[in-house]
Amino acid sequence: MIMATKQDVRARAPRGTKTVAQAFFAALGDVAEGQQSVVASAALTAIRDALKVRREKTKKVAARARAKLPGKTKAAPAKRAKAAAPVVHAKRAVAKKAPAKQKLPKAVKAKAPRKVAAAPAAE
C-alpha cells in the first residue's frame, strides 16, 4: 500500500515567493552573523505591520467607494419615539399586481381524415 506524502511547501507557495525570499536573504547576508537573527525578526515584524497598514487602507478606500454609490447607503436610525411604529419593509409594501388576463386556448384545427390505401383488387 502506498502512503500519501505531504507536498513540499515551496511547491504550493504563491507566485513571487521565491524572488522575495531570495531578496530577503541577500539583504540579510550584508548583516553581521551575530546580528542576523535579530535583524531578520525585526524585518519580519516590520513587513507584517506594513501589510496590515496596506490592508486597512484598502478597506477604507472600499468603504468610501461604497458610501459614494447612490442608494447603497443605510439611512441613519431615527430616534426612538414613545410608541414604536410598525416596520414596513419595501418589498412587502409594494402593491400586488393585478392578476394577468387568462389566455384563451388557441383554436384547434380539425385534422383531415387519413387516407386509406385501397385494398388490392382480387383476381
N, C-alpha and C. Protein backbone atom coordinates (compact mmCIF):
# COMPACT_ATOMS: atom_id res chain seq x y z
N MET A 1 0.85 -1.17 0.00
CA MET A 1 0.00 0.00 0.00
C MET A 1 0.89 1.24 0.00
N ILE A 2 0.58 2.21 -0.83
CA ILE A 2 1.37 3.42 -0.95
C ILE A 2 0.75 4.49 -0.05
N MET A 3 1.58 5.11 0.77
CA MET A 3 1.09 6.16 1.67
C MET A 3 1.22 7.52 0.98
N ALA A 4 0.25 8.36 1.20
CA ALA A 4 0.30 9.70 0.63
C ALA A 4 1.33 10.53 1.39
N THR A 5 2.17 11.23 0.67
CA THR A 5 3.17 12.07 1.32
C THR A 5 2.75 13.52 1.21
N LYS A 6 3.17 14.31 2.17
CA LYS A 6 2.83 15.73 2.18
C LYS A 6 3.66 16.44 1.12
N GLN A 7 3.02 17.31 0.35
CA GLN A 7 3.73 18.04 -0.70
C GLN A 7 4.69 19.05 -0.07
N ASP A 8 5.73 19.36 -0.79
CA ASP A 8 6.69 20.34 -0.34
C ASP A 8 6.01 21.71 -0.31
N VAL A 9 6.24 22.48 0.74
CA VAL A 9 5.60 23.78 0.90
C VAL A 9 5.98 24.72 -0.24
N ARG A 10 7.21 24.63 -0.71
CA ARG A 10 7.66 25.52 -1.78
C ARG A 10 6.88 25.28 -3.07
N ALA A 11 6.39 24.06 -3.28
CA ALA A 11 5.63 23.76 -4.49
C ALA A 11 4.27 24.45 -4.48
N ARG A 12 3.75 24.76 -3.28
CA ARG A 12 2.43 25.37 -3.18
C ARG A 12 2.48 26.88 -2.92
N ALA A 13 3.66 27.44 -2.78
CA ALA A 13 3.79 28.86 -2.47
C ALA A 13 3.30 29.71 -3.64
N PRO A 14 2.72 30.87 -3.34
CA PRO A 14 2.23 31.75 -4.40
C PRO A 14 3.36 32.28 -5.28
N ARG A 15 2.98 32.76 -6.44
CA ARG A 15 3.95 33.30 -7.39
C ARG A 15 4.69 34.48 -6.77
N GLY A 16 6.00 34.52 -6.95
CA GLY A 16 6.81 35.62 -6.46
C GLY A 16 7.43 35.36 -5.10
N THR A 17 7.03 34.29 -4.42
CA THR A 17 7.54 34.00 -3.08
C THR A 17 9.04 33.74 -3.11
N LYS A 18 9.49 32.98 -4.06
CA LYS A 18 10.90 32.63 -4.15
C LYS A 18 11.76 33.88 -4.36
N THR A 19 11.31 34.77 -5.21
CA THR A 19 12.06 36.01 -5.50
C THR A 19 12.17 36.87 -4.25
N VAL A 20 11.07 37.01 -3.52
CA VAL A 20 11.07 37.83 -2.31
C VAL A 20 11.99 37.22 -1.25
N ALA A 21 11.92 35.89 -1.10
CA ALA A 21 12.77 35.21 -0.12
C ALA A 21 14.24 35.37 -0.48
N GLN A 22 14.56 35.25 -1.75
CA GLN A 22 15.95 35.41 -2.18
C GLN A 22 16.45 36.82 -1.92
N ALA A 23 15.62 37.82 -2.19
CA ALA A 23 16.00 39.21 -1.94
C ALA A 23 16.18 39.45 -0.44
N PHE A 24 15.32 38.85 0.37
CA PHE A 24 15.41 39.00 1.83
C PHE A 24 16.73 38.42 2.33
N PHE A 25 17.07 37.22 1.90
CA PHE A 25 18.31 36.59 2.36
C PHE A 25 19.55 37.28 1.80
N ALA A 26 19.45 37.83 0.59
CA ALA A 26 20.58 38.57 0.02
C ALA A 26 20.85 39.82 0.85
N ALA A 27 19.78 40.52 1.25
CA ALA A 27 19.94 41.70 2.08
C ALA A 27 20.42 41.32 3.48
N LEU A 28 19.98 40.18 3.97
CA LEU A 28 20.38 39.71 5.29
C LEU A 28 21.84 39.26 5.30
N GLY A 29 22.34 38.89 4.13
CA GLY A 29 23.74 38.48 4.03
C GLY A 29 24.71 39.62 4.28
N ASP A 30 24.27 40.86 4.09
CA ASP A 30 25.13 42.03 4.33
C ASP A 30 25.26 42.35 5.82
N VAL A 31 24.42 41.74 6.65
CA VAL A 31 24.43 41.99 8.09
C VAL A 31 25.39 41.00 8.75
N ALA A 32 26.05 41.44 9.83
CA ALA A 32 26.97 40.56 10.56
C ALA A 32 26.22 39.34 11.10
N GLU A 33 26.92 38.19 11.15
CA GLU A 33 26.26 36.93 11.55
C GLU A 33 25.65 37.00 12.94
N GLY A 34 26.27 37.69 13.86
CA GLY A 34 25.74 37.78 15.22
C GLY A 34 24.43 38.55 15.30
N GLN A 35 24.20 39.43 14.36
CA GLN A 35 23.00 40.27 14.36
C GLN A 35 21.91 39.78 13.42
N GLN A 36 22.20 38.77 12.62
CA GLN A 36 21.25 38.34 11.58
C GLN A 36 19.89 37.91 12.14
N SER A 37 19.87 37.14 13.22
CA SER A 37 18.58 36.66 13.75
C SER A 37 17.74 37.82 14.28
N VAL A 38 18.39 38.78 14.94
CA VAL A 38 17.66 39.94 15.48
C VAL A 38 17.14 40.81 14.34
N VAL A 39 17.98 41.04 13.35
CA VAL A 39 17.59 41.86 12.20
C VAL A 39 16.47 41.18 11.41
N ALA A 40 16.57 39.86 11.25
CA ALA A 40 15.54 39.13 10.50
C ALA A 40 14.20 39.20 11.20
N SER A 41 14.16 39.00 12.51
CA SER A 41 12.88 39.05 13.22
C SER A 41 12.30 40.46 13.19
N ALA A 42 13.16 41.49 13.31
CA ALA A 42 12.68 42.88 13.24
C ALA A 42 12.14 43.19 11.85
N ALA A 43 12.82 42.67 10.81
CA ALA A 43 12.37 42.91 9.44
C ALA A 43 11.02 42.23 9.19
N LEU A 44 10.87 41.02 9.69
CA LEU A 44 9.59 40.32 9.51
C LEU A 44 8.46 41.05 10.23
N THR A 45 8.74 41.58 11.41
CA THR A 45 7.73 42.36 12.14
C THR A 45 7.35 43.61 11.35
N ALA A 46 8.34 44.28 10.80
CA ALA A 46 8.07 45.48 10.00
C ALA A 46 7.25 45.14 8.76
N ILE A 47 7.55 44.01 8.14
CA ILE A 47 6.80 43.58 6.95
C ILE A 47 5.34 43.30 7.32
N ARG A 48 5.13 42.59 8.44
CA ARG A 48 3.74 42.32 8.88
C ARG A 48 2.98 43.60 9.14
N ASP A 49 3.64 44.55 9.82
CA ASP A 49 2.98 45.83 10.11
C ASP A 49 2.65 46.59 8.82
N ALA A 50 3.56 46.58 7.88
CA ALA A 50 3.31 47.28 6.61
C ALA A 50 2.15 46.63 5.85
N LEU A 51 2.07 45.31 5.87
CA LEU A 51 0.96 44.62 5.21
C LEU A 51 -0.37 44.93 5.90
N LYS A 52 -0.34 45.01 7.23
CA LYS A 52 -1.57 45.34 7.96
C LYS A 52 -2.05 46.74 7.61
N VAL A 53 -1.12 47.71 7.53
CA VAL A 53 -1.48 49.08 7.16
C VAL A 53 -2.05 49.11 5.74
N ARG A 54 -1.45 48.35 4.85
CA ARG A 54 -1.92 48.29 3.46
C ARG A 54 -3.35 47.73 3.39
N ARG A 55 -3.63 46.67 4.17
CA ARG A 55 -4.99 46.09 4.19
C ARG A 55 -6.00 47.10 4.73
N GLU A 56 -5.62 47.81 5.80
CA GLU A 56 -6.54 48.79 6.38
C GLU A 56 -6.84 49.92 5.40
N LYS A 57 -5.83 50.38 4.67
CA LYS A 57 -6.05 51.43 3.67
C LYS A 57 -6.99 50.93 2.58
N THR A 58 -6.80 49.68 2.17
CA THR A 58 -7.67 49.11 1.14
C THR A 58 -9.11 49.05 1.62
N LYS A 59 -9.31 48.67 2.89
CA LYS A 59 -10.66 48.62 3.45
C LYS A 59 -11.29 50.00 3.49
N LYS A 60 -10.50 51.01 3.87
CA LYS A 60 -11.04 52.37 3.93
C LYS A 60 -11.44 52.88 2.54
N VAL A 61 -10.61 52.60 1.55
CA VAL A 61 -10.92 53.02 0.18
C VAL A 61 -12.20 52.33 -0.30
N ALA A 62 -12.35 51.05 0.01
CA ALA A 62 -13.55 50.32 -0.40
C ALA A 62 -14.77 50.87 0.31
N ALA A 63 -14.63 51.22 1.59
CA ALA A 63 -15.77 51.77 2.33
C ALA A 63 -16.18 53.13 1.76
N ARG A 64 -15.20 53.95 1.38
CA ARG A 64 -15.52 55.25 0.77
C ARG A 64 -16.23 55.06 -0.57
N ALA A 65 -15.76 54.10 -1.33
CA ALA A 65 -16.38 53.85 -2.64
C ALA A 65 -17.82 53.39 -2.46
N ARG A 66 -18.06 52.53 -1.46
CA ARG A 66 -19.43 52.08 -1.21
C ARG A 66 -20.31 53.22 -0.73
N ALA A 67 -19.74 54.14 0.05
CA ALA A 67 -20.52 55.26 0.58
C ALA A 67 -20.92 56.22 -0.54
N LYS A 68 -20.11 56.32 -1.58
CA LYS A 68 -20.41 57.23 -2.68
C LYS A 68 -21.47 56.69 -3.63
N LEU A 69 -21.71 55.39 -3.62
CA LEU A 69 -22.70 54.81 -4.51
C LEU A 69 -24.09 55.25 -4.08
N PRO A 70 -24.91 55.76 -5.00
CA PRO A 70 -26.25 56.19 -4.62
C PRO A 70 -27.14 54.99 -4.31
N GLY A 71 -27.93 55.13 -3.26
CA GLY A 71 -28.89 54.09 -2.91
C GLY A 71 -28.31 52.92 -2.15
N LYS A 72 -27.04 52.89 -1.96
CA LYS A 72 -26.41 51.77 -1.27
C LYS A 72 -26.17 52.08 0.21
N THR A 73 -26.30 53.34 0.60
CA THR A 73 -26.02 53.70 1.99
C THR A 73 -27.24 53.44 2.85
N LYS A 74 -27.00 53.17 4.10
CA LYS A 74 -28.09 52.96 5.03
C LYS A 74 -28.47 54.30 5.65
N ALA A 75 -29.75 54.51 5.85
CA ALA A 75 -30.22 55.73 6.46
C ALA A 75 -29.89 55.71 7.94
N ALA A 76 -29.65 56.87 8.50
CA ALA A 76 -29.36 56.94 9.93
C ALA A 76 -30.60 56.52 10.70
N PRO A 77 -30.44 55.74 11.76
CA PRO A 77 -31.61 55.28 12.50
C PRO A 77 -32.33 56.46 13.16
N ALA A 78 -33.64 56.47 13.06
CA ALA A 78 -34.45 57.54 13.63
C ALA A 78 -34.46 57.39 15.14
N LYS A 79 -34.66 58.54 15.82
CA LYS A 79 -34.73 58.48 17.27
C LYS A 79 -35.98 57.72 17.67
N ARG A 80 -35.86 56.96 18.70
CA ARG A 80 -36.96 56.10 19.14
C ARG A 80 -38.08 56.95 19.73
N ALA A 81 -39.28 56.78 19.23
CA ALA A 81 -40.45 57.50 19.73
C ALA A 81 -41.05 56.72 20.89
N LYS A 82 -42.03 57.33 21.53
CA LYS A 82 -42.68 56.66 22.66
C LYS A 82 -43.32 55.36 22.22
N ALA A 83 -44.07 55.41 21.14
CA ALA A 83 -44.70 54.21 20.62
C ALA A 83 -44.02 53.88 19.30
N ALA A 84 -43.47 52.71 19.24
CA ALA A 84 -42.76 52.32 18.03
C ALA A 84 -43.75 52.03 16.91
N ALA A 85 -43.48 52.60 15.76
CA ALA A 85 -44.33 52.37 14.60
C ALA A 85 -43.98 51.01 14.01
N PRO A 86 -44.96 50.31 13.44
CA PRO A 86 -44.65 49.01 12.84
C PRO A 86 -43.71 49.19 11.65
N VAL A 87 -42.81 48.28 11.51
CA VAL A 87 -41.83 48.34 10.43
C VAL A 87 -42.43 47.73 9.17
N VAL A 88 -42.38 48.49 8.08
CA VAL A 88 -42.88 48.00 6.81
C VAL A 88 -41.69 47.93 5.86
N HIS A 89 -41.40 46.75 5.42
CA HIS A 89 -40.28 46.58 4.51
C HIS A 89 -40.70 46.97 3.09
N ALA A 90 -39.76 47.45 2.34
CA ALA A 90 -40.04 47.94 0.99
C ALA A 90 -40.61 46.84 0.10
N LYS A 91 -40.11 45.64 0.25
CA LYS A 91 -40.58 44.55 -0.60
C LYS A 91 -42.03 44.21 -0.30
N ARG A 92 -42.39 44.30 0.97
CA ARG A 92 -43.77 43.96 1.36
C ARG A 92 -44.73 45.09 1.06
N ALA A 93 -44.24 46.32 1.02
CA ALA A 93 -45.10 47.47 0.82
C ALA A 93 -45.53 47.64 -0.63
N VAL A 94 -44.86 47.00 -1.55
CA VAL A 94 -45.18 47.12 -2.97
C VAL A 94 -46.56 46.52 -3.21
N ALA A 95 -47.42 47.27 -3.89
CA ALA A 95 -48.77 46.78 -4.17
C ALA A 95 -48.70 45.56 -5.08
N LYS A 96 -49.58 44.63 -4.80
CA LYS A 96 -49.60 43.43 -5.63
C LYS A 96 -50.15 43.78 -7.00
N LYS A 97 -49.59 43.15 -7.99
CA LYS A 97 -50.04 43.38 -9.37
C LYS A 97 -51.39 42.72 -9.58
N ALA A 98 -52.16 43.29 -10.49
CA ALA A 98 -53.44 42.70 -10.84
C ALA A 98 -53.17 41.37 -11.53
N PRO A 99 -54.03 40.40 -11.31
CA PRO A 99 -53.80 39.11 -11.96
C PRO A 99 -53.83 39.25 -13.49
N ALA A 100 -52.99 38.53 -14.12
CA ALA A 100 -52.90 38.59 -15.57
C ALA A 100 -54.17 38.03 -16.20
N LYS A 101 -54.51 38.57 -17.37
CA LYS A 101 -55.69 38.07 -18.07
C LYS A 101 -55.46 36.65 -18.50
N GLN A 102 -56.51 35.87 -18.38
CA GLN A 102 -56.37 34.47 -18.79
C GLN A 102 -56.31 34.39 -20.30
N LYS A 103 -55.39 33.60 -20.75
CA LYS A 103 -55.26 33.42 -22.19
C LYS A 103 -56.22 32.33 -22.64
N LEU A 104 -56.91 32.62 -23.72
CA LEU A 104 -57.82 31.63 -24.26
C LEU A 104 -57.03 30.62 -25.07
N PRO A 105 -57.42 29.37 -25.01
CA PRO A 105 -56.68 28.38 -25.80
C PRO A 105 -56.85 28.66 -27.29
N LYS A 106 -55.82 28.35 -28.03
CA LYS A 106 -55.87 28.56 -29.47
C LYS A 106 -56.86 27.57 -30.08
N ALA A 107 -57.46 28.01 -31.18
CA ALA A 107 -58.41 27.15 -31.86
C ALA A 107 -57.67 25.94 -32.42
N VAL A 108 -58.26 24.80 -32.19
CA VAL A 108 -57.64 23.57 -32.68
C VAL A 108 -58.17 23.31 -34.08
N LYS A 109 -57.24 23.13 -34.99
CA LYS A 109 -57.64 22.86 -36.36
C LYS A 109 -58.09 21.41 -36.48
N ALA A 110 -59.14 21.22 -37.21
CA ALA A 110 -59.63 19.85 -37.42
C ALA A 110 -58.69 19.15 -38.38
N LYS A 111 -58.31 17.97 -38.02
CA LYS A 111 -57.41 17.23 -38.88
C LYS A 111 -58.22 16.54 -39.97
N ALA A 112 -57.64 16.50 -41.14
CA ALA A 112 -58.28 15.83 -42.27
C ALA A 112 -58.23 14.33 -42.01
N PRO A 113 -59.28 13.60 -42.41
CA PRO A 113 -59.26 12.16 -42.19
C PRO A 113 -58.11 11.52 -42.96
N ARG A 114 -57.61 10.46 -42.39
CA ARG A 114 -56.49 9.77 -43.02
C ARG A 114 -56.95 9.09 -44.30
N LYS A 115 -56.02 9.11 -45.21
CA LYS A 115 -56.32 8.41 -46.46
C LYS A 115 -56.00 6.96 -46.28
N VAL A 116 -56.94 6.12 -46.64
CA VAL A 116 -56.75 4.69 -46.50
C VAL A 116 -56.37 4.15 -47.86
N ALA A 117 -55.33 3.35 -47.87
CA ALA A 117 -54.90 2.76 -49.14
C ALA A 117 -55.96 1.77 -49.60
N ALA A 118 -56.20 1.78 -50.87
CA ALA A 118 -57.20 0.87 -51.41
C ALA A 118 -56.69 -0.56 -51.30
N ALA A 119 -57.59 -1.43 -50.96
CA ALA A 119 -57.21 -2.84 -50.86
C ALA A 119 -56.93 -3.37 -52.24
N PRO A 120 -55.94 -4.26 -52.37
CA PRO A 120 -55.64 -4.78 -53.70
C PRO A 120 -56.87 -5.53 -54.27
N ALA A 121 -57.05 -5.32 -55.52
CA ALA A 121 -58.21 -5.95 -56.18
C ALA A 121 -57.99 -7.45 -56.25
N ALA A 122 -59.05 -8.19 -55.97
CA ALA A 122 -58.95 -9.66 -56.03
C ALA A 122 -59.11 -10.11 -57.47
N GLU A 123 -58.35 -11.08 -57.88
CA GLU A 123 -58.41 -11.53 -59.27
C GLU A 123 -59.26 -12.70 -59.41
